[in-house]
Protein backbone atom coordinates (compact mmCIF):
# COMPACT_ATOMS: atom_id res chain seq x y z
CA MET A 1 -80.35 -23.98 -59.87
CA PRO A 2 -77.03 -24.17 -58.52
CA GLY A 3 -74.00 -26.28 -59.57
CA ASP A 4 -72.47 -28.54 -57.05
CA PRO A 5 -74.21 -28.32 -53.69
CA LEU A 6 -70.60 -29.54 -52.02
CA ALA A 7 -68.74 -26.66 -53.58
CA ALA A 8 -69.37 -24.06 -50.61
CA LEU A 9 -68.76 -26.62 -48.10
CA SER A 10 -65.71 -27.70 -50.14
CA ALA A 11 -64.39 -23.91 -50.14
CA ALA A 12 -65.21 -23.74 -46.02
CA ILE A 13 -63.35 -26.88 -45.32
CA THR A 14 -60.33 -25.68 -47.42
CA MET A 15 -59.79 -22.30 -45.86
CA ALA A 16 -60.33 -23.72 -42.40
CA GLY A 17 -57.56 -26.36 -43.04
CA THR A 18 -55.18 -23.84 -44.48
CA GLY A 19 -56.21 -21.57 -41.73
CA ILE A 20 -55.53 -24.07 -39.03
CA ALA A 21 -51.92 -25.12 -40.81
CA THR A 22 -50.66 -21.81 -41.29
CA ALA A 23 -51.39 -21.26 -37.70
CA TRP A 24 -49.67 -23.81 -36.40
CA ALA A 25 -46.68 -23.35 -38.56
CA GLU A 26 -46.88 -19.71 -37.17
CA LYS A 27 -46.66 -20.97 -33.98
CA VAL A 28 -43.62 -23.46 -34.82
CA VAL A 29 -41.94 -20.71 -36.53
CA GLY A 30 -42.37 -18.07 -34.21
CA GLY A 31 -41.06 -19.45 -31.14
CA ALA A 32 -37.89 -20.49 -33.01
CA THR A 33 -37.63 -17.46 -34.60
CA VAL A 34 -38.09 -15.35 -31.16
CA GLY A 35 -35.96 -17.72 -29.50
CA ALA A 36 -32.95 -16.89 -32.17
CA ILE A 37 -33.39 -13.07 -32.17
CA ALA A 38 -33.18 -13.05 -28.18
CA GLU A 39 -29.82 -14.84 -28.41
CA LYS A 40 -28.69 -12.82 -31.77
CA PRO A 41 -30.41 -9.73 -32.63
CA GLU A 42 -28.63 -9.25 -36.18
CA LEU A 43 -31.02 -12.39 -37.18
CA PHE A 44 -34.16 -10.19 -37.19
CA SER A 45 -34.56 -9.75 -41.10
CA ARG A 46 -34.09 -13.73 -41.37
CA GLY A 47 -36.61 -14.26 -38.66
CA LEU A 48 -39.20 -11.58 -40.56
CA VAL A 49 -38.76 -13.47 -43.58
CA LEU A 50 -39.17 -17.09 -42.33
CA MET A 51 -42.44 -15.80 -40.19
CA VAL A 52 -43.73 -14.57 -44.12
CA ILE A 53 -43.14 -17.94 -45.57
CA PRO A 54 -46.30 -19.89 -43.99
CA GLU A 55 -48.21 -17.12 -45.10
CA THR A 56 -48.22 -18.80 -48.38
CA ILE A 57 -50.38 -21.48 -47.40
CA ILE A 58 -53.13 -19.36 -46.75
CA VAL A 59 -52.77 -18.03 -49.88
CA PHE A 60 -52.76 -21.33 -51.90
CA GLY A 61 -56.26 -22.28 -49.82
CA LEU A 62 -57.78 -18.79 -50.94
CA VAL A 63 -57.17 -19.67 -54.45
CA ILE A 64 -58.74 -23.46 -54.44
CA ALA A 65 -61.50 -21.83 -52.24
CA ILE A 66 -62.20 -19.30 -54.63
CA GLN A 67 -62.06 -21.86 -57.77
CA LEU A 68 -64.60 -24.15 -55.80
CA LEU A 69 -66.69 -21.29 -55.10
CA GLY A 70 -67.12 -20.97 -59.28
CA HIS A 71 -68.76 -24.02 -59.35
CA LEU A 72 -71.73 -22.81 -57.48
CA TYR A 73 -73.10 -21.14 -60.33
CA THR A 74 -72.11 -23.23 -63.28
CA ALA A 75 -74.85 -24.64 -65.19
């Protein structure tokens, strides 16, 4: 019999939450970055770095979801 039946649901909610949070952060940072690059093209490299930073949110969510899914098949 599988372990905690809510582990799969918890993993799905974790991934959905972090996906939504990442999308929102990318929207905010992306708009500001495009505006800054339009005014000063030399800010492209800084803008690129700022666009990558919100992606760490989804990586943290993935790690937590994998840990939660590990509880599905524990006795």
